């Protein structure tokens, strides 16, 4: 189990790391800067840039892995390694999760980049920084902050 996070990563460092991924093509399950990633791969890549090795292996998952899931595997994994934040307190540099419909698990992740802005890997588009439009905003389900240091072995 992860130790509680004592301090938060500098949001400017998080955003600089995330913006390096802009233009990376979308590739399901990938996390390779400039080559390909999905939304989770983007978060994993930012983690590695800030904190080093990933804290746990990511199991294989299908593109529709959570279509009917009602538990929260993505949110549970995020809570093991990131600091949960109230959605109302989310700020640039925070990881946010989205659910497509009420009653279903969150299945998309991104990083807030400014007021009403989001960096995320979008299927058929790649990693972009885009407006957090009303349609996206109403699907927000969770928020987390990167810790300043990774877990100790």
C-alpha atoms as a PDB file:
ATOM      1  CA  UNK A   1       0.000   0.000   0.000  1.00  0.00           C
ATOM      2  CA  UNK A   2       1.195   3.516  -0.756  1.00  0.00           C
ATOM      3  CA  UNK A   3       2.411   5.792   1.987  1.00  0.00           C
ATOM      4  CA  UNK A   4       0.425   9.000   2.387  1.00  0.00           C
ATOM      5  CA  UNK A   5       1.748  11.890   0.326  1.00  0.00           C
ATOM      6  CA  UNK A   6       3.357  14.572   2.434  1.00  0.00           C
ATOM      7  CA  UNK A   7       3.686  17.307  -0.170  1.00  0.00           C
ATOM      8  CA  UNK A   8       2.462  18.138  -3.653  1.00  0.00           C
ATOM      9  CA  UNK A   9       4.337  18.410  -6.919  1.00  0.00           C
ATOM     10  CA  UNK A  10       4.848  21.902  -8.308  1.00  0.00           C
ATOM     11  CA  UNK A  11       1.934  22.468 -10.729  1.00  0.00           C
ATOM     12  CA  UNK A  12       4.230  24.302 -13.159  1.00  0.00           C
ATOM     13  CA  UNK A  13       6.471  21.223 -13.355  1.00  0.00           C
ATOM     14  CA  UNK A  14       3.437  18.983 -13.900  1.00  0.00           C
ATOM     15  CA  UNK A  15       2.210  21.207 -16.742  1.00  0.00           C
ATOM     16  CA  UNK A  16       5.654  21.429 -18.347  1.00  0.00           C
ATOM     17  CA  UNK A  17       5.908  17.632 -18.283  1.00  0.00           C
ATOM     18  CA  UNK A  18       2.381  17.219 -19.684  1.00  0.00           C
ATOM     19  CA  UNK A  19       2.897  19.768 -22.460  1.00  0.00           C
ATOM     20  CA  UNK A  20       5.918  17.846 -23.733  1.00  0.00           C
ATOM     21  CA  UNK A  21       3.408  15.148 -24.735  1.00  0.00           C
ATOM     22  CA  UNK A  22       1.336  17.493 -26.943  1.00  0.00           C
ATOM     23  CA  UNK A  23       1.108  16.068 -30.459  1.00  0.00           C
ATOM     24  CA  UNK A  24       1.852  12.490 -29.357  1.00  0.00           C
ATOM     25  CA  UNK A  25      -0.463  10.208 -31.372  1.00  0.00           C
ATOM     26  CA  UNK A  26      -3.177   8.211 -29.663  1.00  0.00           C
ATOM     27  CA  UNK A  27      -2.211   4.570 -29.131  1.00  0.00           C
ATOM     28  CA  UNK A  28      -4.267   2.329 -26.850  1.00  0.00           C
ATOM     29  CA  UNK A  29      -2.266   1.162 -23.783  1.00  0.00           C
ATOM     30  CA  UNK A  30       0.904   2.971 -24.916  1.00  0.00           C
ATOM     31  CA  UNK A  31       2.950   5.468 -22.911  1.00  0.00           C
ATOM     32  CA  UNK A  32       5.827   6.550 -25.156  1.00  0.00           C
ATOM     33  CA  UNK A  33       6.467  10.267 -25.607  1.00  0.00           C
ATOM     34  CA  UNK A  34       6.146  11.292 -29.259  1.00  0.00           C
ATOM     35  CA  UNK A  35       5.273   7.748 -30.342  1.00  0.00           C
ATOM     36  CA  UNK A  36       1.902   7.045 -28.779  1.00  0.00           C
ATOM     37  CA  UNK A  37      -0.209   7.003 -25.640  1.00  0.00           C
ATOM     38  CA  UNK A  38      -3.743   6.828 -24.377  1.00  0.00           C
ATOM     39  CA  UNK A  39      -5.115   8.944 -21.538  1.00  0.00           C
ATOM     40  CA  UNK A  40      -3.652   6.676 -18.853  1.00  0.00           C
ATOM     41  CA  UNK A  41      -0.355   6.524 -20.741  1.00  0.00           C
ATOM     42  CA  UNK A  42      -0.147  10.319 -20.597  1.00  0.00           C
ATOM     43  CA  UNK A  43      -0.585  10.312 -16.807  1.00  0.00           C
ATOM     44  CA  UNK A  44       1.970   7.498 -16.511  1.00  0.00           C
ATOM     45  CA  UNK A  45       4.455   9.456 -18.640  1.00  0.00           C
ATOM     46  CA  UNK A  46       4.057  12.582 -16.527  1.00  0.00           C
ATOM     47  CA  UNK A  47       4.551  10.444 -13.399  1.00  0.00           C
ATOM     48  CA  UNK A  48       7.825   9.086 -14.814  1.00  0.00           C
ATOM     49  CA  UNK A  49       9.032  12.582 -15.748  1.00  0.00           C
ATOM     50  CA  UNK A  50       8.319  13.905 -12.258  1.00  0.00           C
ATOM     51  CA  UNK A  51       8.879  10.926  -9.984  1.00  0.00           C
ATOM     52  CA  UNK A  52      10.767   8.178 -11.796  1.00  0.00           C
ATOM     53  CA  UNK A  53       9.614   4.589 -12.169  1.00  0.00           C
ATOM     54  CA  UNK A  54       5.922   3.828 -12.133  1.00  0.00           C
ATOM     55  CA  UNK A  55       4.789   2.528  -8.736  1.00  0.00           C
ATOM     56  CA  UNK A  56       2.922  -0.522 -10.044  1.00  0.00           C
ATOM     57  CA  UNK A  57       2.473  -2.404 -13.311  1.00  0.00           C
ATOM     58  CA  UNK A  58      -0.583  -1.583 -15.374  1.00  0.00           C
ATOM     59  CA  UNK A  59      -2.526  -4.682 -16.398  1.00  0.00           C
ATOM     60  CA  UNK A  60      -3.668  -5.059 -20.001  1.00  0.00           C
ATOM     61  CA  UNK A  61      -7.052  -3.488 -20.667  1.00  0.00           C
ATOM     62  CA  UNK A  62      -9.414  -3.495 -23.628  1.00  0.00           C
ATOM     63  CA  UNK A  63     -10.523  -0.229 -25.247  1.00  0.00           C
ATOM     64  CA  UNK A  64     -13.986  -0.763 -23.762  1.00  0.00           C
ATOM     65  CA  UNK A  65     -12.633  -2.032 -20.411  1.00  0.00           C
ATOM     66  CA  UNK A  66     -15.077  -0.130 -18.270  1.00  0.00           C
ATOM     67  CA  UNK A  67     -18.196   0.133 -20.416  1.00  0.00           C
ATOM     68  CA  UNK A  68     -20.312  -1.764 -17.901  1.00  0.00           C
ATOM     69  CA  UNK A  69     -18.124  -1.486 -14.790  1.00  0.00           C
ATOM     70  CA  UNK A  70     -19.727   0.072 -11.742  1.00  0.00           C
ATOM     71  CA  UNK A  71     -16.701  -0.099  -9.437  1.00  0.00           C
ATOM     72  CA  UNK A  72     -13.927   2.459  -9.870  1.00  0.00           C
ATOM     73  CA  UNK A  73     -10.669   0.724 -10.912  1.00  0.00           C
ATOM     74  CA  UNK A  74      -9.109   3.881 -12.389  1.00  0.00           C
ATOM     75  CA  UNK A  75     -10.040   6.035  -9.386  1.00  0.00           C
ATOM     76  CA  UNK A  76      -8.860   3.368  -6.927  1.00  0.00           C
ATOM     77  CA  UNK A  77      -5.491   3.109  -8.681  1.00  0.00           C
ATOM     78  CA  UNK A  78      -5.132   6.896  -8.768  1.00  0.00           C
ATOM     79  CA  UNK A  79      -5.943   7.138  -5.050  1.00  0.00           C
ATOM     80  CA  UNK A  80      -3.164   4.656  -4.248  1.00  0.00           C
ATOM     81  CA  UNK A  81      -0.480   6.958  -5.677  1.00  0.00           C
ATOM     82  CA  UNK A  82      -1.930  10.466  -6.050  1.00  0.00           C
ATOM     83  CA  UNK A  83      -3.507  12.779  -3.494  1.00  0.00           C
ATOM     84  CA  UNK A  84      -7.319  12.923  -3.774  1.00  0.00           C
ATOM     85  CA  UNK A  85      -8.639  16.470  -4.104  1.00  0.00           C
ATOM     86  CA  UNK A  86     -12.187  17.744  -3.924  1.00  0.00           C
ATOM     87  CA  UNK A  87     -13.369  18.559  -7.463  1.00  0.00           C
ATOM     88  CA  UNK A  88     -14.243  22.097  -6.369  1.00  0.00           C
ATOM     89  CA  UNK A  89     -10.608  22.608  -5.321  1.00  0.00           C
ATOM     90  CA  UNK A  90      -9.059  21.161  -8.500  1.00  0.00           C
ATOM     91  CA  UNK A  91      -6.463  23.442 -10.098  1.00  0.00           C
ATOM     92  CA  UNK A  92      -4.038  23.428 -13.030  1.00  0.00           C
ATOM     93  CA  UNK A  93      -1.646  20.497 -12.742  1.00  0.00           C
ATOM     94  CA  UNK A  94      -4.262  18.226 -11.173  1.00  0.00           C
ATOM     95  CA  UNK A  95      -5.267  14.910 -12.705  1.00  0.00           C
ATOM     96  CA  UNK A  96      -8.993  14.687 -13.353  1.00  0.00           C
ATOM     97  CA  UNK A  97     -11.111  11.661 -14.191  1.00  0.00           C
ATOM     98  CA  UNK A  98     -14.297  11.568 -16.219  1.00  0.00           C
ATOM     99  CA  UNK A  99     -17.224   9.172 -16.378  1.00  0.00           C
ATOM    100  CA  UNK A 100     -19.377   9.037 -19.488  1.00  0.00           C
ATOM    101  CA  UNK A 101     -22.628   8.228 -17.688  1.00  0.00           C
ATOM    102  CA  UNK A 102     -23.940   8.294 -14.133  1.00  0.00           C
ATOM    103  CA  UNK A 103     -23.571   4.927 -12.478  1.00  0.00           C
ATOM    104  CA  UNK A 104     -20.549   3.896 -14.569  1.00  0.00           C
ATOM    105  CA  UNK A 105     -16.919   4.006 -13.539  1.00  0.00           C
ATOM    106  CA  UNK A 106     -14.600   6.817 -14.579  1.00  0.00           C
ATOM    107  CA  UNK A 107     -12.811   5.847 -17.799  1.00  0.00           C
ATOM    108  CA  UNK A 108     -10.948   8.907 -19.055  1.00  0.00           C
ATOM    109  CA  UNK A 109      -8.146  10.962 -17.495  1.00  0.00           C
ATOM    110  CA  UNK A 110      -6.513  14.290 -18.190  1.00  0.00           C
ATOM    111  CA  UNK A 111      -4.576  17.090 -16.525  1.00  0.00           C
ATOM    112  CA  UNK A 112      -6.138  20.484 -15.909  1.00  0.00           C
ATOM    113  CA  UNK A 113      -3.958  23.083 -17.622  1.00  0.00           C
ATOM    114  CA  UNK A 114      -5.679  26.364 -16.809  1.00  0.00           C
ATOM    115  CA  UNK A 115      -9.102  27.802 -16.182  1.00  0.00           C
ATOM    116  CA  UNK A 116     -11.366  25.727 -18.380  1.00  0.00           C
ATOM    117  CA  UNK A 117      -8.446  23.921 -20.112  1.00  0.00           C
ATOM    118  CA  UNK A 118      -7.385  20.281 -20.243  1.00  0.00           C
ATOM    119  CA  UNK A 119      -4.444  18.247 -21.556  1.00  0.00           C
ATOM    120  CA  UNK A 120      -5.506  14.729 -22.483  1.00  0.00           C
ATOM    121  CA  UNK A 121      -4.984  11.939 -25.000  1.00  0.00           C
ATOM    122  CA  UNK A 122      -8.058  11.770 -27.144  1.00  0.00           C
ATOM    123  CA  UNK A 123      -8.831   8.787 -29.339  1.00  0.00           C
ATOM    124  CA  UNK A 124      -8.255   9.463 -33.077  1.00  0.00           C
ATOM    125  CA  UNK A 125      -6.703  12.845 -32.159  1.00  0.00           C
ATOM    126  CA  UNK A 126      -3.731  12.308 -29.836  1.00  0.00           C
ATOM    127  CA  UNK A 127      -2.532  14.448 -26.955  1.00  0.00           C
ATOM    128  CA  UNK A 128      -4.069  17.895 -27.117  1.00  0.00           C
ATOM    129  CA  UNK A 129      -4.671  20.881 -24.906  1.00  0.00           C
ATOM    130  CA  UNK A 130      -8.286  21.814 -25.356  1.00  0.00           C
ATOM    131  CA  UNK A 131     -11.103  23.717 -23.707  1.00  0.00           C
ATOM    132  CA  UNK A 132     -12.845  21.933 -20.863  1.00  0.00           C
ATOM    133  CA  UNK A 133     -16.193  22.370 -22.592  1.00  0.00           C
ATOM    134  CA  UNK A 134     -19.472  22.001 -20.729  1.00  0.00           C
ATOM    135  CA  UNK A 135     -19.891  18.449 -22.057  1.00  0.00           C
ATOM    136  CA  UNK A 136     -16.537  17.486 -20.507  1.00  0.00           C
ATOM    137  CA  UNK A 137     -17.025  19.514 -17.332  1.00  0.00           C
ATOM    138  CA  UNK A 138     -20.288  17.810 -16.412  1.00  0.00           C
ATOM    139  CA  UNK A 139     -18.562  14.415 -16.663  1.00  0.00           C
ATOM    140  CA  UNK A 140     -15.821  15.223 -14.119  1.00  0.00           C
ATOM    141  CA  UNK A 141     -15.851  12.625 -11.362  1.00  0.00           C
ATOM    142  CA  UNK A 142     -12.541  12.759  -9.440  1.00  0.00           C
ATOM    143  CA  UNK A 143      -9.485  14.968  -8.971  1.00  0.00           C
ATOM    144  CA  UNK A 144      -5.987  14.127  -7.739  1.00  0.00           C
ATOM    145  CA  UNK A 145      -2.606  15.836  -7.261  1.00  0.00           C
ATOM    146  CA  UNK A 146       0.797  14.430  -8.038  1.00  0.00           C
ATOM    147  CA  UNK A 147       2.955  14.008  -4.944  1.00  0.00           C
ATOM    148  CA  UNK A 148       6.290  15.818  -4.706  1.00  0.00           C
ATOM    149  CA  UNK A 149       8.087  12.495  -4.263  1.00  0.00           C
ATOM    150  CA  UNK A 150       7.313   8.952  -5.294  1.00  0.00           C
ATOM    151  CA  UNK A 151       6.804   5.991  -3.003  1.00  0.00           C
ATOM    152  CA  UNK A 152       9.799   4.660  -1.125  1.00  0.00           C
ATOM    153  CA  UNK A 153      10.638   0.996  -1.689  1.00  0.00           C
END
